[in-house]
Protein backbone atom coordinates (compact mmCIF):
# COMPACT_ATOMS: atom_id res chain seq x y z
CA MET A 1 -64.43 -32.22 -4.17
CA GLU A 2 -65.00 -29.15 -6.68
CA GLU A 3 -65.00 -25.89 -5.11
CA THR A 4 -66.98 -22.96 -6.45
CA ILE A 5 -66.67 -19.31 -5.74
CA ASN A 6 -69.62 -16.83 -6.03
CA ILE A 7 -69.90 -13.20 -6.22
CA GLU A 8 -70.51 -12.72 -2.35
CA GLN A 9 -67.58 -14.74 -1.43
CA ILE A 10 -65.36 -12.80 -3.91
CA PHE A 11 -66.34 -9.53 -2.15
CA ASN A 12 -66.02 -11.15 1.19
CA ILE A 13 -62.43 -12.14 0.52
CA LEU A 14 -61.61 -8.53 -1.14
CA LYS A 15 -62.94 -6.85 2.15
CA LYS A 16 -61.33 -9.14 4.27
CA HIS A 17 -57.79 -8.34 2.78
CA LEU A 18 -58.76 -4.87 2.08
CA LYS A 19 -55.79 -3.44 3.88
CA LEU A 20 -53.62 -5.83 1.94
CA ILE A 21 -54.72 -4.85 -1.15
CA GLY A 22 -54.74 -1.13 -0.52
CA GLY A 23 -51.41 -1.27 0.83
CA LEU A 24 -49.84 -2.93 -2.08
CA THR A 25 -51.91 -0.60 -4.55
CA ILE A 26 -50.16 2.30 -2.80
CA VAL A 27 -46.73 0.81 -2.40
CA GLY A 28 -46.96 -0.08 -6.43
CA ALA A 29 -47.67 3.46 -7.10
CA LEU A 30 -44.83 4.84 -5.10
CA PHE A 31 -42.56 2.45 -6.58
CA ALA A 32 -43.63 3.27 -10.28
CA LEU A 33 -43.07 6.96 -9.46
CA PHE A 34 -39.70 6.40 -7.93
CA ILE A 35 -38.46 4.39 -11.06
CA THR A 36 -39.69 7.15 -13.09
CA VAL A 37 -38.12 9.83 -11.36
CA PHE A 38 -34.94 8.64 -10.53
CA PHE A 39 -34.20 5.94 -13.09
CA MET A 40 -35.65 6.96 -16.00
CA THR A 41 -33.77 9.81 -18.44
CA PRO A 42 -36.20 12.45 -19.36
CA LYS A 43 -36.61 13.17 -23.22
CA TYR A 44 -37.66 16.22 -24.96
CA ASP A 45 -39.36 16.92 -28.29
CA ALA A 46 -38.81 19.67 -31.08
CA THR A 47 -40.70 19.85 -34.37
CA VAL A 48 -39.78 21.82 -37.67
CA GLN A 49 -42.44 21.93 -40.42
CA VAL A 50 -41.11 21.93 -43.89
CA LEU A 51 -43.10 22.92 -47.12
CA VAL A 52 -42.04 21.47 -50.43
CA ASN A 53 -43.68 22.47 -53.74
CA ARG A 54 -42.58 22.76 -57.53
CA THR A 55 -43.35 26.00 -59.24
CA GLU A 56 -45.89 25.49 -62.09
CA THR A 57 -45.59 27.84 -65.01
CA ALA A 58 -48.53 26.80 -66.88
CA ASN A 59 -51.72 28.63 -66.38
CA ASN A 60 -53.81 25.33 -66.53
CA VAL A 61 -55.53 24.73 -63.25
CA GLY A 62 -55.67 21.09 -63.93
CA ALA A 63 -51.66 21.02 -64.34
CA ALA A 64 -51.27 22.91 -61.22
CA TYR A 65 -53.55 20.64 -59.26
CA ASN A 66 -51.93 17.74 -60.80
CA THR A 67 -48.49 19.21 -59.53
CA GLN A 68 -49.75 19.58 -56.25
CA GLN A 69 -50.97 15.83 -56.13
CA ALA A 70 -47.58 14.92 -57.23
CA ASP A 71 -45.79 16.97 -54.57
CA VAL A 72 -47.86 15.23 -51.87
CA GLN A 73 -47.00 11.70 -53.30
CA MET A 74 -43.43 12.90 -53.24
CA ILE A 75 -43.35 13.38 -49.43
CA ASN A 76 -42.74 9.79 -48.91
CA THR A 77 -39.47 10.23 -51.00
CA TYR A 78 -38.30 13.42 -48.87
CA LYS A 79 -38.68 11.32 -45.82
CA ASP A 80 -36.34 8.55 -47.34
CA ILE A 81 -33.80 11.40 -48.19
CA ILE A 82 -34.13 13.07 -44.78
CA GLN A 83 -33.38 9.99 -43.02
CA ASN A 84 -30.38 9.06 -45.34
CA LYS A 85 -26.74 9.74 -44.53
CA ILE A 86 -26.45 12.31 -47.13
CA VAL A 87 -28.50 14.73 -44.74
CA LEU A 88 -27.77 12.95 -41.45
CA ASP A 89 -23.74 13.01 -41.94
CA PRO A 90 -23.51 16.74 -42.13
CA VAL A 91 -26.17 17.04 -39.27
CA ARG A 92 -24.31 15.22 -37.17
CA LYS A 93 -20.90 17.05 -37.78
CA GLU A 94 -22.84 20.15 -37.01
CA ILE A 95 -24.49 19.12 -34.03
CA ALA A 96 -21.17 17.64 -32.79
CA LYS A 97 -19.55 21.00 -33.03
CA LYS A 98 -22.35 23.00 -31.47
CA ASP A 99 -23.79 20.86 -28.96
CA ASN A 100 -21.18 18.15 -28.36
CA PHE A 101 -23.50 15.44 -29.80
CA THR A 102 -21.53 11.97 -29.63
CA GLY A 103 -23.85 9.69 -31.42
CA THR A 104 -23.60 8.53 -34.69
CA SER A 105 -25.74 9.08 -37.87
CA ASP A 106 -28.01 5.89 -36.99
CA ASN A 107 -28.55 7.31 -33.58
CA LEU A 108 -29.95 10.49 -35.30
CA LYS A 109 -32.02 8.59 -37.42
CA ASN A 110 -33.64 6.80 -34.52
CA GLN A 111 -34.38 10.04 -32.94
CA ILE A 112 -36.21 11.50 -35.95
CA SER A 113 -39.74 10.90 -36.77
CA ILE A 114 -41.72 12.39 -39.88
CA SER A 115 -45.29 12.93 -40.27
CA ASN A 116 -47.60 14.77 -42.36
CA GLU A 117 -51.57 15.59 -42.88
CA GLU A 118 -53.26 13.63 -45.49
CA ASN A 119 -53.18 15.70 -48.79
CA SER A 120 -51.00 18.40 -47.40
CA GLN A 121 -47.59 19.68 -48.67
CA VAL A 122 -46.47 20.49 -45.41
CA PHE A 123 -44.60 17.91 -43.21
CA SER A 124 -43.40 17.57 -39.64
CA VAL A 125 -39.81 16.62 -38.59
CA THR A 126 -39.88 15.74 -34.87
CA VAL A 127 -36.71 15.19 -33.02
CA GLN A 128 -36.51 13.51 -29.46
CA ASP A 129 -33.33 13.62 -27.26
CA THR A 130 -32.15 14.14 -23.62
CA ASN A 131 -31.57 17.84 -24.13
CA ALA A 132 -34.26 19.97 -25.18
CA TYR A 133 -32.06 22.60 -26.72
CA ARG A 134 -30.09 19.97 -28.65
CA ALA A 135 -33.43 18.58 -29.94
CA ALA A 136 -34.43 21.81 -31.40
CA ASP A 137 -30.88 22.36 -33.03
CA ILE A 138 -30.89 18.88 -34.52
CA ALA A 139 -34.48 19.47 -35.99
CA ASN A 140 -33.52 22.87 -37.53
CA SER A 141 -30.15 21.53 -38.71
CA VAL A 142 -32.17 18.58 -40.54
CA ALA A 143 -34.56 20.95 -42.38
CA ASP A 144 -31.67 23.61 -43.42
CA THR A 145 -29.60 20.47 -44.62
CA PHE A 146 -32.65 18.80 -46.45
CA LYS A 147 -33.22 22.16 -48.03
CA GLN A 148 -29.72 22.14 -49.41
CA LYS A 149 -29.66 18.77 -50.67
CA ILE A 150 -32.90 18.51 -52.24
CA LYS A 151 -32.29 21.42 -54.98
CA LYS A 152 -29.22 19.36 -56.14
CA MET A 153 -30.72 15.88 -55.99
CA MET A 154 -34.24 16.49 -57.44
CA LYS A 155 -33.90 20.17 -59.05
CA VAL A 156 -36.34 21.65 -56.46
CA ASN A 157 -36.10 25.01 -55.52
CA ASN A 158 -39.15 25.91 -53.39
CA VAL A 159 -38.52 24.38 -49.88
CA THR A 160 -39.82 26.29 -47.08
CA ILE A 161 -39.50 26.23 -43.48
CA VAL A 162 -43.01 26.95 -42.33
CA ALA A 163 -41.98 26.97 -38.52
CA ASP A 164 -38.65 26.68 -36.75
CA ALA A 165 -38.20 24.02 -34.06
CA ILE A 166 -37.87 25.56 -30.59
CA ALA A 167 -36.68 24.14 -27.14
CA LYS A 168 -39.70 22.93 -25.06
CA PRO A 169 -39.08 22.87 -21.37
CA ASN A 170 -41.74 20.09 -20.44
CA ALA A 171 -40.28 16.79 -21.11
CA VAL A 172 -42.37 14.13 -23.26
CA SER A 173 -41.10 10.96 -21.56
CA PRO A 174 -41.29 9.39 -19.30
CA ASN A 175 -45.04 10.06 -18.41
CA LYS A 176 -44.98 10.29 -14.88
CA LYS A 177 -48.94 10.17 -14.68
CA LEU A 178 -49.12 6.94 -16.85
CA ASN A 179 -46.52 5.23 -15.08
CA THR A 180 -47.64 5.95 -11.75
CA LEU A 181 -51.30 4.62 -12.90
CA ILE A 182 -49.60 1.54 -14.28
CA GLY A 183 -47.88 0.90 -11.08
CA LEU A 184 -51.25 1.45 -9.11
CA VAL A 185 -52.89 -1.07 -11.31
CA LEU A 186 -50.33 -3.49 -11.03
CA GLY A 187 -50.16 -3.16 -7.18
CA ALA A 188 -54.08 -3.56 -6.93
CA ILE A 189 -53.65 -6.87 -9.01
CA ILE A 190 -50.61 -8.19 -6.82
CA GLY A 191 -52.74 -7.33 -3.85
CA ILE A 192 -55.77 -9.25 -5.09
CA ALA A 193 -53.77 -12.22 -6.18
CA ILE A 194 -52.08 -12.63 -2.94
CA ALA A 195 -55.52 -12.16 -1.21
CA PHE A 196 -57.23 -15.11 -3.18
CA LEU A 197 -54.04 -17.04 -2.75
CA ILE A 198 -53.97 -16.91 1.05
CA GLU A 199 -57.92 -17.99 1.04
CA ILE A 200 -57.00 -20.93 -1.40
CA LEU A 201 -54.43 -22.06 1.01
CA ASP A 202 -56.23 -21.67 4.21
CA LYS A 203 -57.69 -25.09 4.68
CA THR A 204 -59.27 -24.39 8.34
CA VAL A 205 -63.16 -25.31 8.65
CA LYS A 206 -64.97 -22.25 8.09
CA ASN A 207 -68.66 -23.82 8.32
CA THR A 208 -70.61 -26.89 8.99
CA ASP A 209 -71.38 -27.60 5.45
CA LEU A 210 -67.97 -28.27 4.66
CA LEU A 211 -67.95 -30.96 7.18
CA THR A 212 -71.12 -32.76 5.45
CA GLU A 213 -69.49 -32.22 2.00
CA ILE A 214 -66.29 -34.29 2.92
CA GLY A 215 -68.41 -36.80 4.65
CA LEU A 216 -68.14 -35.94 8.43
CA SER A 217 -70.50 -35.51 11.33
CA ASN A 218 -70.93 -32.31 13.23
CA LEU A 219 -70.92 -33.28 16.86
CA GLY A 220 -71.31 -29.92 18.27
CA MET A 221 -70.15 -26.26 18.25
CA ILE A 222 -67.82 -24.47 21.00
CA ASN A 223 -68.48 -20.90 20.91
CA HIS A 224 -65.43 -18.66 21.65
CA ILE A 225 -66.29 -15.94 24.55
CA GLU A 226 -63.62 -13.02 24.34
CA GLU A 227 -62.17 -12.59 27.81
CA THR A 228 -62.68 -9.08 29.17
CA LYS A 229 -62.00 -7.23 32.25
CA LYS A 230 -66.04 -7.29 32.96
CA SER A 231 -66.05 -11.11 32.45
CA GLN A 232 -62.87 -11.65 34.62
CA ARG A 233 -64.65 -9.69 37.53
CA LEU A 234 -67.64 -11.85 37.16
CA PHE A 235 -66.06 -15.08 37.31
CA GLY A 236 -63.75 -13.83 39.93
CA GLN A 237 -66.77 -12.87 42.09
CA SER A 238 -68.32 -16.26 41.33
CA THR A 239 -65.10 -18.05 42.35
CA SER A 240 -64.78 -16.04 45.64
CA ARG A 241 -68.43 -16.91 46.64
CA THR A 242 -67.89 -20.31 45.90
CA ARG A 243 -64.88 -20.42 48.39
CA LYS A 244 -66.74 -18.76 50.77
CA HIS A 245 -69.44 -21.19 50.64
CA THR A 246 -67.14 -23.95 50.89
CA ASP A 247 -65.20 -22.68 53.94
CA SER A 248 -68.60 -22.25 55.90
CA GLY A 249 -69.48 -25.69 55.03
CA ARG A 250 -66.57 -26.94 56.87
């Protein structure tokens, strides 16, 4: 026998197990929030902005433009230099003394991300760390060290720190709202899945159509009458009257 479920049946199943689904939804959200608050380490970020450009002595506007475009193309090279040990090793030593940093240069590399806008000579160095002040110190140290190293390596003197990194009090991760929303959705999905599983495993006969489908005959129906105090009094009175009639007959 092939079973099919229409939209009305789906709605009825969800309505029938609404408490179960709602309960698991709330539990999922609370569980996600609990894990986020008590088991995930908050991380903070700090960003320093650096401008690198070469001085053009020629008065030719075209030459100045070409130099600017060359500087933009060189930003990818600057990114590689910043994430190289020639910059990160001195930074690691400085931060180890200043902020008790115990990681390696590779750890620093994983904490650093570099970005820039299209056709812009300014690029941003962003550092993530479990300590907001240490994140700012690392970012500023990276910019200062890069400024020193690039002069010797590529003969570039015009390196300007556009904006120093500052410590931010608000953590960037984990995202409590996002994690709670994910827990909410997962809880709802689990609740719906359990509700449908209960219905699939329930083999009781729910209507007479099912009997016809499996080749059985309907011999009749027995209605269930809920026993209430009123019905108890009614049937009690009927029973007592019957007994009186019986006694009088004797």
